C-alpha atoms as a PDB file:
ATOM      1  CA  MET A   1       9.698  23.203 -27.463  1.00  0.00           C
ATOM      2  CA  LEU A   2      10.438  23.161 -23.745  1.00  0.00           C
ATOM      3  CA  LEU A   3       6.857  24.262 -23.006  1.00  0.00           C
ATOM      4  CA  LEU A   4       5.550  21.412 -25.018  1.00  0.00           C
ATOM      5  CA  ALA A   5       7.765  18.958 -23.215  1.00  0.00           C
ATOM      6  CA  VAL A   6       6.556  20.246 -19.789  1.00  0.00           C
ATOM      7  CA  TRP A   7       2.873  20.014 -20.969  1.00  0.00           C
ATOM      8  CA  VAL A   8       3.331  16.425 -22.229  1.00  0.00           C
ATOM      9  CA  LEU A   9       4.969  15.402 -18.952  1.00  0.00           C
ATOM     10  CA  SER A  10       2.266  17.015 -16.891  1.00  0.00           C
ATOM     11  CA  VAL A  11      -0.487  15.353 -18.861  1.00  0.00           C
ATOM     12  CA  HIS A  12       1.088  11.956 -18.541  1.00  0.00           C
ATOM     13  CA  ALA A  13       1.968  12.472 -14.853  1.00  0.00           C
ATOM     14  CA  GLU A  14      -1.684  12.092 -14.023  1.00  0.00           C
ATOM     15  CA  ASP A  15      -2.140   9.179 -16.409  1.00  0.00           C
ATOM     16  CA  VAL A  16      -1.391   6.629 -13.685  1.00  0.00           C
ATOM     17  CA  PHE A  17      -3.229   3.372 -13.383  1.00  0.00           C
ATOM     18  CA  CYS A  18      -3.876   1.066 -10.498  1.00  0.00           C
ATOM     19  CA  GLN A  19      -1.451  -1.833 -10.833  1.00  0.00           C
ATOM     20  CA  TYR A  20      -4.092  -4.415  -9.767  1.00  0.00           C
ATOM     21  CA  CYS A  21      -7.277  -3.406 -11.572  1.00  0.00           C
ATOM     22  CA  GLY A  22      -6.154  -0.813 -14.104  1.00  0.00           C
ATOM     23  CA  MET A  23      -8.412   2.037 -12.883  1.00  0.00           C
ATOM     24  CA  LYS A  24      -7.175   5.512 -13.648  1.00  0.00           C
ATOM     25  CA  LYS A  25      -5.998   7.979 -11.023  1.00  0.00           C
ATOM     26  CA  THR A  26      -7.740  10.867 -12.744  1.00  0.00           C
ATOM     27  CA  GLN A  27     -11.082   9.045 -12.226  1.00  0.00           C
ATOM     28  CA  PHE A  28     -10.437   7.751  -8.698  1.00  0.00           C
ATOM     29  CA  GLY A  29      -8.529  10.593  -6.920  1.00  0.00           C
ATOM     30  CA  HIS A  30     -11.081  10.405  -4.150  1.00  0.00           C
ATOM     31  CA  SER A  31      -9.888   6.950  -3.151  1.00  0.00           C
ATOM     32  CA  TRP A  32      -6.413   6.812  -4.620  1.00  0.00           C
ATOM     33  CA  THR A  33      -3.961   5.036  -2.276  1.00  0.00           C
ATOM     34  CA  ILE A  34      -0.198   5.175  -2.211  1.00  0.00           C
ATOM     35  CA  ILE A  35       1.865   2.740  -0.203  1.00  0.00           C
ATOM     36  CA  THR A  36       5.485   3.658   0.470  1.00  0.00           C
ATOM     37  CA  HIS A  37       7.608   0.683   1.541  1.00  0.00           C
ATOM     38  CA  SER A  38      10.635   1.045   3.832  1.00  0.00           C
ATOM     39  CA  ASP A  39      12.921   0.597   0.859  1.00  0.00           C
ATOM     40  CA  GLY A  40      11.438   3.765  -0.730  1.00  0.00           C
ATOM     41  CA  ASN A  41       9.430   2.021  -3.399  1.00  0.00           C
ATOM     42  CA  GLU A  42       5.870   3.340  -3.955  1.00  0.00           C
ATOM     43  CA  GLU A  43       2.894   1.394  -5.021  1.00  0.00           C
ATOM     44  CA  MET A  44      -0.112   3.223  -6.419  1.00  0.00           C
ATOM     45  CA  MET A  45      -3.640   1.817  -6.249  1.00  0.00           C
ATOM     46  CA  CYS A  46      -7.208   2.955  -6.829  1.00  0.00           C
ATOM     47  CA  SER A  47      -8.532   1.991  -3.427  1.00  0.00           C
ATOM     48  CA  ILE A  48      -8.099   0.541   0.059  1.00  0.00           C
ATOM     49  CA  HIS A  49      -9.293  -2.752  -1.486  1.00  0.00           C
ATOM     50  CA  CYS A  50      -6.352  -2.853  -3.873  1.00  0.00           C
ATOM     51  CA  ALA A  51      -4.026  -1.568  -1.107  1.00  0.00           C
ATOM     52  CA  ALA A  52      -5.052  -4.632   0.998  1.00  0.00           C
ATOM     53  CA  ILE A  53      -4.179  -6.849  -1.953  1.00  0.00           C
ATOM     54  CA  ASP A  54      -0.745  -5.230  -2.176  1.00  0.00           C
ATOM     55  CA  MET A  55      -0.106  -5.549   1.533  1.00  0.00           C
ATOM     56  CA  ALA A  56      -1.103  -9.237   1.452  1.00  0.00           C
ATOM     57  CA  LEU A  57       1.165  -9.999  -1.525  1.00  0.00           C
ATOM     58  CA  HIS A  58       4.120  -8.114  -0.080  1.00  0.00           C
ATOM     59  CA  THR A  59       4.382  -9.255   3.540  1.00  0.00           C
ATOM     60  CA  ASP A  60       8.131  -9.196   3.091  1.00  0.00           C
ATOM     61  CA  LYS A  61       8.077  -5.383   2.364  1.00  0.00           C
ATOM     62  CA  PRO A  62       7.458  -3.313   5.488  1.00  0.00           C
ATOM     63  CA  VAL A  63       5.245  -0.270   4.959  1.00  0.00           C
ATOM     64  CA  SER A  64       6.599   3.111   6.073  1.00  0.00           C
ATOM     65  CA  ARG A  65       3.730   5.287   4.952  1.00  0.00           C
ATOM     66  CA  ILE A  66       0.258   5.105   3.349  1.00  0.00           C
ATOM     67  CA  THR A  67      -1.596   8.051   1.888  1.00  0.00           C
ATOM     68  CA  VAL A  68      -5.111   8.109   0.574  1.00  0.00           C
ATOM     69  CA  GLY A  69      -7.198  10.577  -1.388  1.00  0.00           C
ATOM     70  CA  ASP A  70      -9.472  12.801   0.626  1.00  0.00           C
ATOM     71  CA  TYR A  71     -13.027  12.075  -0.599  1.00  0.00           C
ATOM     72  CA  GLY A  72     -13.850  15.677  -1.308  1.00  0.00           C
ATOM     73  CA  THR A  73     -10.600  17.310  -2.419  1.00  0.00           C
ATOM     74  CA  HIS A  74      -8.716  14.260  -3.819  1.00  0.00           C
ATOM     75  CA  LYS A  75      -5.646  15.526  -1.963  1.00  0.00           C
ATOM     76  CA  GLN A  76      -3.322  12.779  -0.677  1.00  0.00           C
ATOM     77  CA  ILE A  77      -3.478  12.624   3.142  1.00  0.00           C
ATOM     78  CA  PRO A  78      -1.892  10.317   5.701  1.00  0.00           C
ATOM     79  CA  ALA A  79      -4.169   7.237   5.978  1.00  0.00           C
ATOM     80  CA  GLU A  80      -3.589   6.743   9.682  1.00  0.00           C
ATOM     81  CA  SER A  81      -4.652  10.276  10.654  1.00  0.00           C
ATOM     82  CA  ALA A  82      -7.597  10.536   8.244  1.00  0.00           C
ATOM     83  CA  PHE A  83     -11.116  10.603   9.528  1.00  0.00           C
ATOM     84  CA  TRP A  84     -12.649   7.435   7.990  1.00  0.00           C
ATOM     85  CA  VAL A  85     -16.198   6.529   7.223  1.00  0.00           C
ATOM     86  CA  ILE A  86     -17.215   2.927   6.528  1.00  0.00           C
ATOM     87  CA  GLY A  87     -20.476   2.298   4.668  1.00  0.00           C
ATOM     88  CA  GLY A  88     -23.152   4.641   3.580  1.00  0.00           C
ATOM     89  CA  ASP A  89     -25.167   4.921   0.325  1.00  0.00           C
ATOM     90  CA  LYS A  90     -22.215   5.910  -1.932  1.00  0.00           C
ATOM     91  CA  PRO A  91     -20.878   2.901  -3.884  1.00  0.00           C
ATOM     92  CA  GLY A  92     -17.342   2.056  -2.864  1.00  0.00           C
ATOM     93  CA  VAL A  93     -14.362   1.616  -5.107  1.00  0.00           C
ATOM     94  CA  MET A  94     -13.767  -2.119  -5.726  1.00  0.00           C
ATOM     95  CA  THR A  95     -15.899  -2.984  -2.693  1.00  0.00           C
ATOM     96  CA  ALA A  96     -19.526  -3.282  -1.663  1.00  0.00           C
ATOM     97  CA  ARG A  97     -18.870  -1.735   1.692  1.00  0.00           C
ATOM     98  CA  ALA A  98     -17.385   1.705   0.997  1.00  0.00           C
ATOM     99  CA  LYS A  99     -14.389   3.071   2.899  1.00  0.00           C
ATOM    100  CA  TRP A 100     -13.866   6.782   2.561  1.00  0.00           C
ATOM    101  CA  ALA A 101     -11.134   9.070   3.961  1.00  0.00           C
ATOM    102  CA  PHE A 102     -11.521  12.744   4.965  1.00  0.00           C
ATOM    103  CA  GLU A 103      -8.879  15.182   6.122  1.00  0.00           C
ATOM    104  CA  SER A 104     -11.304  16.780   8.556  1.00  0.00           C
ATOM    105  CA  LYS A 105     -13.769  15.324  11.049  1.00  0.00           C
ATOM    106  CA  ALA A 106     -16.279  17.963  10.014  1.00  0.00           C
ATOM    107  CA  ASP A 107     -16.198  16.697   6.409  1.00  0.00           C
ATOM    108  CA  ALA A 108     -16.624  13.089   7.600  1.00  0.00           C
ATOM    109  CA  ASP A 109     -19.536  14.180   9.778  1.00  0.00           C
ATOM    110  CA  ARG A 110     -21.218  15.956   6.827  1.00  0.00           C
ATOM    111  CA  PHE A 111     -20.788  12.851   4.702  1.00  0.00           C
ATOM    112  CA  ILE A 112     -22.345  10.622   7.429  1.00  0.00           C
ATOM    113  CA  LYS A 113     -25.227  13.032   7.816  1.00  0.00           C
ATOM    114  CA  ALA A 114     -25.879  13.088   4.048  1.00  0.00           C
ATOM    115  CA  HIS A 115     -25.062   9.494   3.069  1.00  0.00           C
ATOM    116  CA  GLY A 116     -24.885   7.321   6.208  1.00  0.00           C
ATOM    117  CA  GLY A 117     -22.010   5.197   7.374  1.00  0.00           C
ATOM    118  CA  LYS A 118     -20.042   5.171  10.536  1.00  0.00           C
ATOM    119  CA  HIS A 119     -16.777   6.624  11.857  1.00  0.00           C
ATOM    120  CA  ALA A 120     -13.729   4.353  11.905  1.00  0.00           C
ATOM    121  CA  ASP A 121     -10.010   4.537  12.374  1.00  0.00           C
ATOM    122  CA  PHE A 122      -7.474   3.241   9.877  1.00  0.00           C
ATOM    123  CA  ASP A 123      -7.046  -0.107  11.638  1.00  0.00           C
ATOM    124  CA  ALA A 124     -10.768  -0.740  11.456  1.00  0.00           C
ATOM    125  CA  VAL A 125     -10.775   0.206   7.744  1.00  0.00           C
ATOM    126  CA  MET A 126      -7.979  -2.214   6.913  1.00  0.00           C
ATOM    127  CA  LYS A 127      -9.612  -4.985   8.985  1.00  0.00           C
ATOM    128  CA  ALA A 128     -12.905  -4.356   7.043  1.00  0.00           C
ATOM    129  CA  ALA A 129     -11.002  -4.401   3.704  1.00  0.00           C
ATOM    130  CA  PHE A 130      -9.573  -7.821   4.503  1.00  0.00           C
ATOM    131  CA  GLU A 131     -12.872  -9.113   5.851  1.00  0.00           C
ATOM    132  CA  ASP A 132     -14.635  -7.945   2.659  1.00  0.00           C
ATOM    133  CA  MET A 133     -11.957  -9.334   0.253  1.00  0.00           C
ATOM    134  CA  TYR A 134     -13.674 -12.581  -0.681  1.00  0.00           C
ATOM    135  CA  GLN A 135     -17.149 -11.075  -1.309  1.00  0.00           C
ATOM    136  CA  ASP A 136     -15.614  -8.072  -3.098  1.00  0.00           C
ATOM    137  CA  THR A 137     -13.527 -10.333  -5.333  1.00  0.00           C
ATOM    138  CA  LEU A 138     -16.607 -12.287  -6.341  1.00  0.00           C
ATOM    139  CA  MET A 139     -18.500  -9.084  -6.994  1.00  0.00           C
ATOM    140  CA  ILE A 140     -15.669  -7.801  -9.179  1.00  0.00           C
ATOM    141  CA  GLN A 141     -15.457 -11.080 -11.146  1.00  0.00           C
ATOM    142  CA  ASN A 142     -19.174 -11.080 -11.700  1.00  0.00           C
ATOM    143  CA  LYS A 143     -19.140  -7.460 -12.946  1.00  0.00           C
ATOM    144  CA  ARG A 144     -16.283  -8.154 -15.314  1.00  0.00           C
ATOM    145  CA  GLN A 145     -18.058 -11.289 -16.647  1.00  0.00           C
ATOM    146  CA  LEU A 146     -21.220  -9.225 -17.210  1.00  0.00           C
ATOM    147  CA  MET A 147     -19.246  -6.516 -19.018  1.00  0.00           C
ATOM    148  CA  LYS A 148     -17.601  -9.082 -21.240  1.00  0.00           C
ATOM    149  CA  PHE A 149     -20.933 -10.697 -21.946  1.00  0.00           C
ATOM    150  CA  ARG A 150     -22.434  -7.303 -22.954  1.00  0.00           C
ATOM    151  CA  LYS A 151     -19.410  -6.450 -25.085  1.00  0.00           C
ATOM    152  CA  ASP A 152     -19.587  -9.812 -26.864  1.00  0.00           C
ATOM    153  CA  ALA A 153     -23.330  -9.360 -27.450  1.00  0.00           C
ATOM    154  CA  THR A 154     -22.908  -5.927 -29.007  1.00  0.00           C
ATOM    155  CA  GLU A 155     -20.100  -7.065 -31.253  1.00  0.00           C
ATOM    156  CA  LYS A 156     -22.262  -9.833 -32.829  1.00  0.00           C
END
């Protein structure tokens, strides 16, 4: 019985969803972002895009730490010390202009060589996320409208 309880808890521990868009951690570990506020509360999101939304909505909650999924390993790493790549030919998560984190510079360099993009630090990434917010929001709304239209068409 104890083994079953441990298995159930471990299965559901990974069944975490982004509080803003509903995307699953198990599908977006490569961009999963966790913000820890100074009061100890953690907010879990699928991407830097959704992290920017959280930061904009909670200006009264100072951030003490941000971790992000390493693009290749999905391991949570400190966002400020990550080697970031903005852009490239890989579609971003919730954004037209991708923003990927890597634990090592060598991995970021390999990504750029294979897929394009440019090196950036965390401040540049967050600035880009806020700059992209309007266009990304329109893109997301349009995609959701199209998905609803297709769903409605197949149900008829």
